[in-house]
Amino acid sequence: MKILKNILIIVLAATGLALNAQTSLNYSRPGPMMHIPTSSLYNESYLLRLGVAGQSTQGAFDTELWNKGAFLETDITRDFRLGLSAIQSGADANEADISLHIQNRLLTYGETAVGIGVNDISVTSSTTDSTDLEERVKNLSYYMLLSRENSFSDYNLKTYLGIGSGRYGSNFGKFDLDTTTTPGDTLKIAKENSIGFFLGLLLNTNIMADRGGLDFILEWDGVGINAGVKLPLTQEYHINFGFSNIQNLPYLGEDRDNPPGLGFGLDYFLPRVKSSASKQRGGIKVSGVVTEDGLPVRTVIDSSWHKAQERQLLVLRDSLRMSSAEIEHLNRMVEQLEQRNQVLEDSVATMQLARHVSDAQINQALKHLSRSLRLFYNEEFEDALVEINEALEYNPNLALAYARRGSIYYKLNQIDRATINWNIALQIDPGYDEVRNILRALNENRLRSAVSARD
C-alpha cells in the first residue's frame, strides 16, 4: 500500500495537473477545518465524509454568483488520507474545478502529530494552455504541519500550525508590485513559489454532546482569517457555517482580491465501524452481541463514540502513569519499612541475647554463692572467699555477695575489709537492713571499747 501511495503522488506531480487557487470553498478539504489541512493523533472516527457547500463571492448574496460544490474524503491507510472536491465558480458558471487533496501523517509523539501533503491538485474545464499548466504546477499547495490535541474538562482543543506554498504561501507578506496594468494602478502579486504559514484552532465543546459536540473554528489560511461553526444535527449529519477573510469585512461587496464571504454546507459522516452482524428477532433488528444472560444488546457505534473512546483512552493513559508513579512510591516506602523492621529485629535479637547472657551469668553467680554459704558454715573460710570472688566475676552488682564476703573477712578477724564490703553491699542495696544493723552494732562496740580504754 505504501508503494501505491508513493507512485500516486509521483504520477500526480508528473502529469502537470493544474492548481486554480482563485476558486475556494469552505469545508471542502480533508479534515474538520474550513480551508487549512489537518493531521490527527488518531484515525478519523468516520470511514467517509461527503457533502455539499456554497459560498458567496465578491460579497454577493445572489445564489447564481456563489461558489458551489460537492466533496468527499476518506483514509486510504492508517496515515494516508485522500480528498476529492468538485467546485463550480460563481464568477463563471461554465468553469468547474475538480481537485485532489493528499495528506500523509509522518509520525506522532505524545500529543503531537506531524503531517505533510499536497492540496488543490486540480483541473478546470477551461485549462488547455500548456504554459498555463506549467506555471500553475509550480504553485501547488505543498505543506507540512504540526497538530496538537489537548483535552480539559468536557472540551477538546486541537491546534494546527504549518507552513506551505501555493494557496498557503504569501512569502510571509512579501509581494511583487505590478504597475503594467491600468496606468496609475498598482497590483500586489505574491512572489512565485512563495512560502507562508497557516494556523488553526478547533474547539469541540460539550454542547449537544450526545451528537458529538458543537465545534468552533478559527484559522489563518495564508490569505485571510476565517471563522466557522459546525452544528451537529445528528451524530452523522452536520451543518457548517463560516465567514472567510473576516479582515476584509469593511470592503464587503467591493470587487477586490480575497473578498469576505459567507458560506454554509451539509456534511454526512459514514461511521467507520458498524455493529456486528445483526439478527432479526420478533420483528426487531438487534446486534449479535449478547449479555451473560443471553439477552441481545443493541450496538451503536458512530463518530461520537470513537471520539469519546479516544478521549477516554487519553484519560486512562494519564491515570496509568499516575498509578505507576504511586506504585513506585509505595514500593519505596515498603523497602524503607522492611529495612526498619530488619533493624528492629536485629535490636530485639541483640537484647534477647544480652538477656540470655545475663540470665546465665546470674545463674552461675548464684551457684557460687550457694557453695560459699555451705563452706562458710563448715568454717572453710578461705574456700568460701574463693567462691564469693567467682560469683562477683559473673555479676559484680550482687549486694548479697559483698555482704557475705564481709562476714567471711569478719570471721578471719579482718575487720577493716569486712567493714568495706558491708558498706559496698549497702551502697548497692540501700534497703539491706541486716547489713545496716551489723555496721551499727560494729560501730557501737568500737565506741564502748574506746570508752573503756579511756576509763
Protein backbone atom coordinates (compact mmCIF):
# COMPACT_ATOMS: atom_id res chain seq x y z
CA MET A 1 0.00 0.00 0.00
CA LYS A 2 2.87 2.40 0.74
CA ILE A 3 4.34 1.74 -2.73
CA LEU A 4 0.99 2.54 -4.40
CA LYS A 5 0.70 5.72 -2.32
CA ASN A 6 4.16 6.94 -3.37
CA ILE A 7 3.51 6.09 -7.02
CA LEU A 8 0.23 8.03 -6.89
CA ILE A 9 1.97 11.15 -5.56
CA ILE A 10 4.74 10.96 -8.20
CA VAL A 11 2.30 10.41 -11.06
CA LEU A 12 0.08 13.30 -9.99
CA ALA A 13 3.04 15.65 -9.77
CA ALA A 14 4.47 14.48 -13.09
CA THR A 15 1.28 14.76 -15.12
CA GLY A 16 1.12 18.51 -14.65
CA LEU A 17 -2.36 18.77 -13.17
CA ALA A 18 -3.06 22.42 -12.50
CA LEU A 19 -3.95 24.46 -9.47
CA ASN A 20 -6.71 27.03 -9.62
CA ALA A 21 -6.11 28.98 -6.44
CA GLN A 22 -8.85 31.51 -7.12
CA THR A 23 -11.70 29.06 -6.58
CA SER A 24 -12.14 28.01 -2.95
CA LEU A 25 -14.92 26.53 -0.89
CA ASN A 26 -15.31 26.28 2.87
CA TYR A 27 -15.06 22.80 4.38
CA SER A 28 -14.09 21.23 1.05
CA ARG A 29 -10.67 19.88 2.00
CA PRO A 30 -9.79 16.83 4.13
CA GLY A 31 -10.20 17.40 7.84
CA PRO A 32 -12.60 19.39 10.01
CA MET A 33 -11.23 22.91 9.31
CA MET A 34 -12.53 25.40 6.74
CA HIS A 35 -9.50 25.82 4.46
CA ILE A 36 -6.31 24.64 6.16
CA PRO A 37 -5.17 20.99 6.27
CA THR A 38 -5.10 18.97 9.47
CA SER A 39 -3.44 15.90 10.93
CA SER A 40 -4.64 13.91 13.93
CA LEU A 41 -3.12 11.68 16.58
CA TYR A 42 -5.72 9.06 15.72
CA ASN A 43 -7.63 7.83 12.73
CA GLU A 44 -10.76 9.83 11.97
CA SER A 45 -13.87 8.30 13.51
CA TYR A 46 -15.62 8.16 10.13
CA LEU A 47 -14.96 5.96 7.14
CA LEU A 48 -16.12 8.61 4.64
CA ARG A 49 -17.12 12.28 4.80
CA LEU A 50 -19.11 13.73 1.94
CA GLY A 51 -21.30 16.76 1.49
CA VAL A 52 -22.29 19.86 -0.40
CA ALA A 53 -21.47 23.51 0.26
CA GLY A 54 -21.97 27.00 -1.04
CA GLN A 55 -20.03 30.22 -0.52
CA SER A 56 -20.66 33.81 -1.59
CA THR A 57 -18.21 35.55 -3.94
CA GLN A 58 -17.46 39.28 -4.08
CA GLY A 59 -19.82 39.78 -1.17
CA ALA A 60 -22.86 38.94 -3.36
CA PHE A 61 -25.88 37.11 -2.00
CA ASP A 62 -27.25 36.11 -5.39
CA THR A 63 -27.03 32.30 -5.41
CA GLU A 64 -26.04 32.40 -9.08
CA LEU A 65 -22.80 34.16 -8.06
CA TRP A 66 -21.90 31.70 -5.33
CA ASN A 67 -19.18 29.07 -5.42
CA LYS A 68 -20.93 25.72 -5.17
CA GLY A 69 -19.58 22.25 -4.92
CA ALA A 70 -19.50 18.75 -3.51
CA PHE A 71 -16.68 16.85 -1.87
CA LEU A 72 -15.67 13.62 -0.20
CA GLU A 73 -12.69 12.37 1.80
CA THR A 74 -11.51 9.07 3.28
CA ASP A 75 -8.48 7.39 4.82
CA ILE A 76 -6.80 5.03 2.35
CA THR A 77 -4.48 3.67 5.05
CA ARG A 78 -3.94 4.44 8.72
CA ASP A 79 -1.81 7.51 7.87
CA PHE A 80 -2.74 8.34 4.28
CA ARG A 81 -5.83 10.46 3.55
CA LEU A 82 -7.35 11.31 0.21
CA GLY A 83 -9.89 14.01 -0.61
CA LEU A 84 -11.75 14.98 -3.77
CA SER A 85 -13.77 18.13 -4.42
CA ALA A 86 -15.71 19.46 -7.39
CA ILE A 87 -16.30 23.21 -7.29
CA GLN A 88 -18.16 25.49 -9.68
CA SER A 89 -17.09 29.11 -9.59
CA GLY A 90 -19.86 31.65 -9.21
CA ALA A 91 -17.93 34.05 -11.46
CA ASP A 92 -18.01 31.61 -14.38
CA ALA A 93 -20.83 29.08 -14.37
CA ASN A 94 -19.21 27.27 -17.31
CA GLU A 95 -16.00 26.59 -15.41
CA ALA A 96 -15.64 23.78 -12.85
CA ASP A 97 -12.69 22.60 -10.81
CA ILE A 98 -12.06 19.01 -9.82
CA SER A 99 -9.40 18.99 -7.11
CA LEU A 100 -7.47 16.22 -5.43
CA HIS A 101 -6.06 16.57 -1.92
CA ILE A 102 -3.42 14.22 -0.50
CA GLN A 103 -2.26 14.06 3.13
CA ASN A 104 0.13 11.77 4.94
CA ARG A 105 0.78 11.56 8.67
CA LEU A 106 4.51 11.04 9.20
CA LEU A 107 4.64 10.39 12.95
CA THR A 108 3.02 11.02 16.31
CA TYR A 109 4.80 11.93 19.53
CA GLY A 110 2.91 12.40 22.76
CA GLU A 111 0.02 14.74 21.97
CA THR A 112 1.58 15.98 18.71
CA ALA A 113 1.30 14.67 15.14
CA VAL A 114 3.38 15.67 12.11
CA GLY A 115 1.91 15.55 8.60
CA ILE A 116 2.72 16.55 5.03
CA GLY A 117 0.65 16.77 1.87
CA VAL A 118 -0.39 18.41 -1.35
CA ASN A 119 -3.73 20.20 -1.68
CA ASP A 120 -5.64 21.68 -4.64
CA ILE A 121 -4.23 19.43 -7.36
CA SER A 122 -6.96 20.39 -9.79
CA VAL A 123 -8.01 20.59 -13.41
CA THR A 124 -10.57 23.02 -14.85
CA SER A 125 -12.80 22.66 -17.84
CA SER A 126 -11.14 25.68 -19.49
CA THR A 127 -7.49 24.80 -18.86
CA THR A 128 -5.79 23.93 -22.15
CA ASP A 129 -2.71 26.16 -22.42
CA SER A 130 0.44 24.09 -21.63
CA THR A 131 2.28 27.22 -20.48
CA ASP A 132 -0.54 27.96 -18.05
CA LEU A 133 -0.35 24.37 -16.80
CA GLU A 134 3.39 24.61 -16.21
CA GLU A 135 3.00 27.88 -14.31
CA ARG A 136 0.26 26.50 -12.10
CA VAL A 137 2.10 23.31 -11.22
CA LYS A 138 4.88 25.47 -9.75
CA ASN A 139 2.38 26.82 -7.23
CA LEU A 140 0.89 23.58 -5.94
CA SER A 141 -0.08 23.76 -2.27
CA TYR A 142 2.66 21.74 -0.63
CA TYR A 143 2.67 21.91 3.16
CA MET A 144 3.94 20.48 6.41
CA LEU A 145 2.10 20.90 9.69
CA LEU A 146 2.13 20.11 13.40
CA SER A 147 -1.11 19.11 15.11
CA ARG A 148 -1.67 19.04 18.85
CA GLU A 149 -4.70 17.85 20.78
CA ASN A 150 -5.46 18.72 24.40
CA SER A 151 -8.47 17.74 26.50
CA PHE A 152 -9.68 19.64 29.54
CA SER A 153 -12.92 19.11 31.39
CA ASP A 154 -15.53 18.30 28.70
CA TYR A 155 -13.71 20.22 25.96
CA ASN A 156 -11.15 19.20 23.38
CA LEU A 157 -8.86 21.78 21.75
CA LYS A 158 -6.98 21.00 18.54
CA THR A 159 -4.21 23.27 17.29
CA TYR A 160 -2.77 23.18 13.77
CA LEU A 161 0.38 25.05 12.76
CA GLY A 162 2.11 24.66 9.41
CA ILE A 163 3.99 26.17 6.51
CA GLY A 164 3.16 25.75 2.85
CA SER A 165 3.31 27.05 -0.68
CA GLY A 166 0.64 27.77 -3.28
CA ARG A 167 -2.59 28.81 -1.60
CA TYR A 168 -0.86 28.89 1.81
CA GLY A 169 2.17 30.82 0.55
CA SER A 170 2.48 34.60 0.55
CA ASN A 171 6.19 34.59 1.34
CA PHE A 172 5.27 35.84 4.82
CA GLY A 173 3.69 39.00 3.43
CA LYS A 174 6.23 39.70 0.67
CA PHE A 175 4.77 40.65 -2.75
CA ASP A 176 5.85 41.93 -6.13
CA LEU A 177 4.26 45.17 -7.39
CA ASP A 178 2.78 45.05 -10.89
CA THR A 179 2.38 48.53 -12.47
CA THR A 180 1.95 47.33 -16.05
CA THR A 181 -1.82 47.12 -15.79
CA THR A 182 -4.04 50.19 -15.82
CA PRO A 183 -1.97 53.39 -15.61
CA GLY A 184 -1.89 54.73 -12.06
CA ASP A 185 -2.93 51.39 -10.54
CA THR A 186 -0.55 49.11 -8.63
CA LEU A 187 -1.32 45.42 -8.16
CA LYS A 188 0.26 43.34 -5.40
CA ILE A 189 1.14 39.83 -6.58
CA ALA A 190 2.54 37.15 -4.28
CA LYS A 191 6.03 36.08 -5.31
CA GLU A 192 6.38 32.83 -7.24
CA ASN A 193 6.92 29.70 -5.16
CA SER A 194 6.47 31.80 -2.03
CA ILE A 195 6.12 30.14 1.35
CA GLY A 196 3.79 31.19 4.13
CA PHE A 197 2.34 29.88 7.35
CA PHE A 198 -1.14 28.88 8.44
CA LEU A 199 -2.67 28.41 11.87
CA GLY A 200 -5.93 26.94 13.09
CA LEU A 201 -7.83 26.29 16.30
CA LEU A 202 -10.77 23.91 16.68
CA LEU A 203 -12.66 23.75 19.99
CA ASN A 204 -15.00 20.81 20.47
CA THR A 205 -17.48 21.62 23.26
CA ASN A 206 -19.94 19.67 25.36
CA ILE A 207 -22.86 21.49 23.75
CA MET A 208 -25.02 18.81 22.07
CA ALA A 209 -22.56 16.23 23.42
CA ASP A 210 -24.92 13.36 22.58
CA ARG A 211 -24.45 14.28 18.87
CA GLY A 212 -20.67 14.68 19.02
CA GLY A 213 -20.49 18.25 20.32
CA LEU A 214 -20.61 21.73 18.79
CA ASP A 215 -17.31 22.84 17.15
CA PHE A 216 -15.94 26.37 16.90
CA ILE A 217 -13.25 27.10 14.30
CA LEU A 218 -10.78 29.96 13.89
CA GLU A 219 -7.98 29.92 11.32
CA TRP A 220 -5.48 31.87 9.27
CA ASP A 221 -5.10 30.12 5.92
CA GLY A 222 -2.22 32.15 4.47
CA VAL A 223 -4.60 34.66 2.87
CA GLY A 224 -7.10 35.70 5.50
CA ILE A 225 -8.83 34.99 8.78
CA ASN A 226 -11.74 32.54 8.74
CA ALA A 227 -14.19 31.62 11.47
CA GLY A 228 -16.87 28.98 11.48
CA VAL A 229 -19.21 26.71 13.41
CA LYS A 230 -20.04 23.03 12.88
CA LEU A 231 -23.52 22.32 14.20
CA PRO A 232 -24.39 18.61 14.69
CA LEU A 233 -27.94 17.79 13.62
CA THR A 234 -27.38 14.11 14.44
CA GLN A 235 -24.32 12.02 15.01
CA GLU A 236 -23.91 11.61 11.24
CA TYR A 237 -25.14 14.95 9.83
CA HIS A 238 -23.56 18.35 10.48
CA ILE A 239 -24.45 21.81 9.22
CA ASN A 240 -21.46 24.11 8.68
CA PHE A 241 -21.40 27.90 8.74
CA GLY A 242 -18.39 30.08 8.16
CA PHE A 243 -17.06 33.54 7.33
CA SER A 244 -13.99 33.85 5.10
CA ASN A 245 -11.49 36.74 5.04
CA ILE A 246 -13.01 38.47 8.04
CA GLN A 247 -10.24 41.06 7.93
CA ASN A 248 -11.81 42.41 4.70
CA LEU A 249 -15.35 42.81 6.05
CA PRO A 250 -15.17 46.62 5.64
CA TYR A 251 -14.90 46.02 1.88
CA LEU A 252 -17.98 43.79 1.66
CA GLY A 253 -19.50 43.99 -1.85
CA GLU A 254 -16.44 45.55 -3.49
CA ASP A 255 -14.65 43.92 -6.39
CA ARG A 256 -11.25 43.12 -4.91
CA ASP A 257 -8.95 40.18 -4.17
CA ASN A 258 -9.87 37.91 -1.27
CA PRO A 259 -13.29 39.43 -0.54
CA PRO A 260 -15.14 38.47 2.64
CA GLY A 261 -17.68 35.74 2.18
CA LEU A 262 -20.35 33.73 3.92
CA GLY A 263 -20.62 30.01 3.35
CA PHE A 264 -22.63 27.06 4.56
CA GLY A 265 -22.75 23.37 3.90
CA LEU A 266 -24.10 20.00 4.90
CA ASP A 267 -21.85 17.04 5.82
CA TYR A 268 -22.60 13.35 6.15
CA PHE A 269 -20.23 11.14 8.13
CA LEU A 270 -20.27 7.45 7.37
CA PRO A 271 -19.24 5.67 10.61
CA ARG A 272 -16.01 3.69 10.41
CA VAL A 273 -17.30 0.74 12.43
CA LYS A 274 -20.80 -0.66 12.33
CA SER A 275 -22.47 -3.01 14.75
CA SER A 276 -21.75 -6.71 14.44
CA ALA A 277 -23.87 -8.97 12.27
CA SER A 278 -27.49 -8.29 13.11
CA LYS A 279 -30.23 -10.77 13.62
CA GLN A 280 -33.98 -10.41 13.22
CA ARG A 281 -35.87 -11.43 16.32
CA GLY A 282 -39.54 -10.78 16.77
CA GLY A 283 -39.51 -8.11 14.06
CA ILE A 284 -36.76 -6.14 15.87
CA LYS A 285 -33.32 -5.84 14.33
CA VAL A 286 -30.71 -6.34 17.05
CA SER A 287 -26.99 -6.92 17.08
CA GLY A 288 -25.39 -10.30 17.62
CA VAL A 289 -23.83 -9.19 20.92
CA VAL A 290 -25.47 -10.77 23.97
CA THR A 291 -25.12 -10.37 27.74
CA GLU A 292 -24.17 -13.13 30.18
CA ASP A 293 -27.89 -13.94 30.45
CA GLY A 294 -28.15 -14.41 26.69
CA LEU A 295 -30.14 -11.22 26.16
CA PRO A 296 -29.43 -9.28 22.95
CA VAL A 297 -27.69 -5.91 23.21
CA ARG A 298 -28.19 -3.13 20.64
CA THR A 299 -24.80 -1.84 19.49
CA VAL A 300 -24.49 1.75 18.25
CA ILE A 301 -21.02 2.80 17.09
CA ASP A 302 -20.59 6.18 15.41
CA SER A 303 -18.22 9.10 15.17
CA SER A 304 -19.07 10.48 18.62
CA TRP A 305 -18.49 7.04 20.12
CA HIS A 306 -15.00 6.89 18.63
CA LYS A 307 -14.22 10.42 19.77
CA ALA A 308 -15.36 9.56 23.30
CA GLN A 309 -13.27 6.39 23.27
CA GLU A 310 -10.17 8.32 22.17
CA ARG A 311 -10.66 10.86 24.96
CA GLN A 312 -11.22 8.08 27.47
CA LEU A 313 -8.03 6.40 26.26
CA LEU A 314 -6.04 9.58 26.92
CA VAL A 315 -7.55 9.84 30.41
CA LEU A 316 -6.74 6.18 31.10
CA ARG A 317 -3.16 6.67 29.93
CA ASP A 318 -2.73 9.62 32.31
CA SER A 319 -4.32 7.60 35.12
CA LEU A 320 -1.99 4.69 34.37
CA ARG A 321 1.05 6.96 34.54
CA MET A 322 -0.16 8.38 37.87
CA SER A 323 -0.89 4.87 39.20
CA SER A 324 2.57 3.67 38.15
CA ALA A 325 4.19 6.60 39.95
CA GLU A 326 2.05 5.88 43.04
CA ILE A 327 3.01 2.20 42.97
CA GLU A 328 6.69 3.08 42.66
CA HIS A 329 6.36 5.45 45.63
CA LEU A 330 4.62 2.74 47.68
CA ASN A 331 7.33 0.23 46.74
CA ARG A 332 9.98 2.62 48.05
CA MET A 333 8.01 3.04 51.27
CA VAL A 334 7.74 -0.74 51.64
CA GLU A 335 11.51 -1.09 51.18
CA GLN A 336 12.13 1.52 53.87
CA LEU A 337 9.70 -0.21 56.25
CA GLU A 338 11.40 -3.55 55.58
CA GLN A 339 14.77 -2.01 56.40
CA ARG A 340 13.41 -0.52 59.63
CA ASN A 341 11.80 -3.84 60.51
CA GLN A 342 15.12 -5.59 59.94
CA VAL A 343 16.89 -3.09 62.23
CA LEU A 344 14.25 -3.67 64.93
CA GLU A 345 14.55 -7.43 64.56
CA ASP A 346 18.32 -7.17 64.95
CA SER A 347 17.86 -4.97 68.04
CA VAL A 348 15.40 -7.42 69.59
CA ALA A 349 17.75 -10.32 68.86
CA THR A 350 20.63 -8.42 70.49
CA MET A 351 18.54 -7.66 73.55
CA GLN A 352 17.42 -11.27 73.80
CA LEU A 353 21.00 -12.45 73.54
CA ALA A 354 22.11 -9.96 76.19
CA ARG A 355 19.28 -11.05 78.42
CA HIS A 356 20.18 -14.69 77.88
CA VAL A 357 23.81 -13.98 78.73
CA SER A 358 22.74 -12.00 81.81
CA ASP A 359 20.48 -14.80 83.00
CA ALA A 360 23.28 -17.33 82.52
CA GLN A 361 25.70 -15.15 84.49
CA ILE A 362 23.20 -14.71 87.33
CA ASN A 363 22.71 -18.47 87.49
CA GLN A 364 26.45 -19.04 87.68
CA ALA A 365 26.82 -16.37 90.37
CA LEU A 366 24.05 -17.96 92.47
CA LYS A 367 25.73 -21.35 92.20
CA HIS A 368 28.98 -19.91 93.61
CA LEU A 369 27.04 -18.09 96.36
CA SER A 370 25.36 -21.35 97.33
CA ARG A 371 28.72 -23.11 97.58
CA SER A 372 30.21 -20.24 99.59
CA LEU A 373 27.35 -20.50 102.11
CA ARG A 374 27.99 -24.20 102.62
CA LEU A 375 31.74 -23.62 103.05
CA PHE A 376 31.04 -20.70 105.42
CA TYR A 377 29.01 -22.93 107.77
CA ASN A 378 31.78 -25.55 107.60
CA GLU A 379 34.20 -22.77 108.62
CA GLU A 380 36.19 -23.27 105.44
CA PHE A 381 36.52 -19.51 105.11
CA GLU A 382 39.32 -19.38 102.56
CA ASP A 383 37.46 -21.63 100.11
CA ALA A 384 34.27 -19.70 100.78
CA LEU A 385 36.09 -16.48 99.90
CA VAL A 386 37.19 -18.01 96.57
CA GLU A 387 33.57 -18.90 95.71
CA ILE A 388 32.41 -15.36 96.57
CA ASN A 389 35.04 -13.86 94.26
CA GLU A 390 33.91 -16.21 91.46
CA ALA A 391 30.31 -15.08 91.95
CA LEU A 392 31.36 -11.42 91.70
CA GLU A 393 33.18 -12.17 88.42
CA TYR A 394 29.84 -13.23 86.89
CA ASN A 395 27.84 -10.39 88.46
CA PRO A 396 29.70 -7.55 90.17
CA ASN A 397 26.45 -5.94 91.40
CA LEU A 398 25.32 -8.65 93.84
CA ALA A 399 24.85 -6.98 97.25
CA LEU A 400 24.49 -10.44 98.86
CA ALA A 401 27.97 -11.43 97.63
CA TYR A 402 29.60 -8.34 99.18
CA ALA A 403 27.67 -8.85 102.43
CA ARG A 404 28.82 -12.48 102.68
CA ARG A 405 32.40 -11.57 101.83
CA GLY A 406 32.25 -9.00 104.67
CA SER A 407 31.09 -11.79 107.03
CA ILE A 408 33.95 -14.05 105.90
CA TYR A 409 36.53 -11.32 106.49
CA TYR A 410 34.95 -10.72 109.91
CA LYS A 411 35.44 -14.41 110.76
CA LEU A 412 39.02 -14.11 109.56
CA ASN A 413 39.34 -11.18 112.02
CA GLN A 414 39.94 -8.72 109.14
CA ILE A 415 37.51 -6.13 110.48
CA ASP A 416 38.51 -3.31 108.10
CA ARG A 417 37.96 -5.45 104.99
CA ALA A 418 34.70 -6.68 106.41
CA THR A 419 33.55 -3.13 107.01
CA ILE A 420 34.46 -2.12 103.43
CA ASN A 421 32.47 -5.00 101.88
CA TRP A 422 29.45 -4.33 104.11
CA ASN A 423 29.43 -0.68 103.04
CA ILE A 424 29.64 -1.71 99.36
CA ALA A 425 26.66 -4.04 99.86
CA LEU A 426 24.70 -1.21 101.48
CA GLN A 427 25.53 1.17 98.60
CA ILE A 428 24.27 -1.38 96.05
CA ASP A 429 21.14 -2.11 98.08
CA PRO A 430 20.27 0.75 100.48
CA GLY A 431 17.39 -1.37 101.83
CA TYR A 432 19.71 -4.10 103.05
CA ASP A 433 18.72 -3.75 106.75
CA GLU A 434 20.77 -6.76 108.02
CA VAL A 435 23.99 -5.15 106.76
CA ARG A 436 22.99 -1.78 108.22
CA ASN A 437 22.35 -3.40 111.61
CA ILE A 438 25.73 -5.17 111.54
CA LEU A 439 27.54 -1.91 110.79
CA ARG A 440 25.59 -0.11 113.54
CA ALA A 441 26.45 -2.82 116.07
CA LEU A 442 30.08 -2.78 114.99
CA ASN A 443 30.28 0.96 115.49
CA GLU A 444 28.67 0.70 118.95
CA ASN A 445 31.17 -1.98 120.03
CA ARG A 446 34.04 0.16 118.84
CA LEU A 447 32.61 3.09 120.78
CA ARG A 448 32.29 1.07 124.01
CA SER A 449 35.82 -0.28 123.57
CA ALA A 450 37.14 3.23 123.16
CA VAL A 451 35.29 4.45 126.30
CA SER A 452 36.52 1.51 128.36
CA ALA A 453 40.11 2.05 127.29
CA ARG A 454 39.87 5.73 128.28
CA ASP A 455 38.48 4.91 131.70
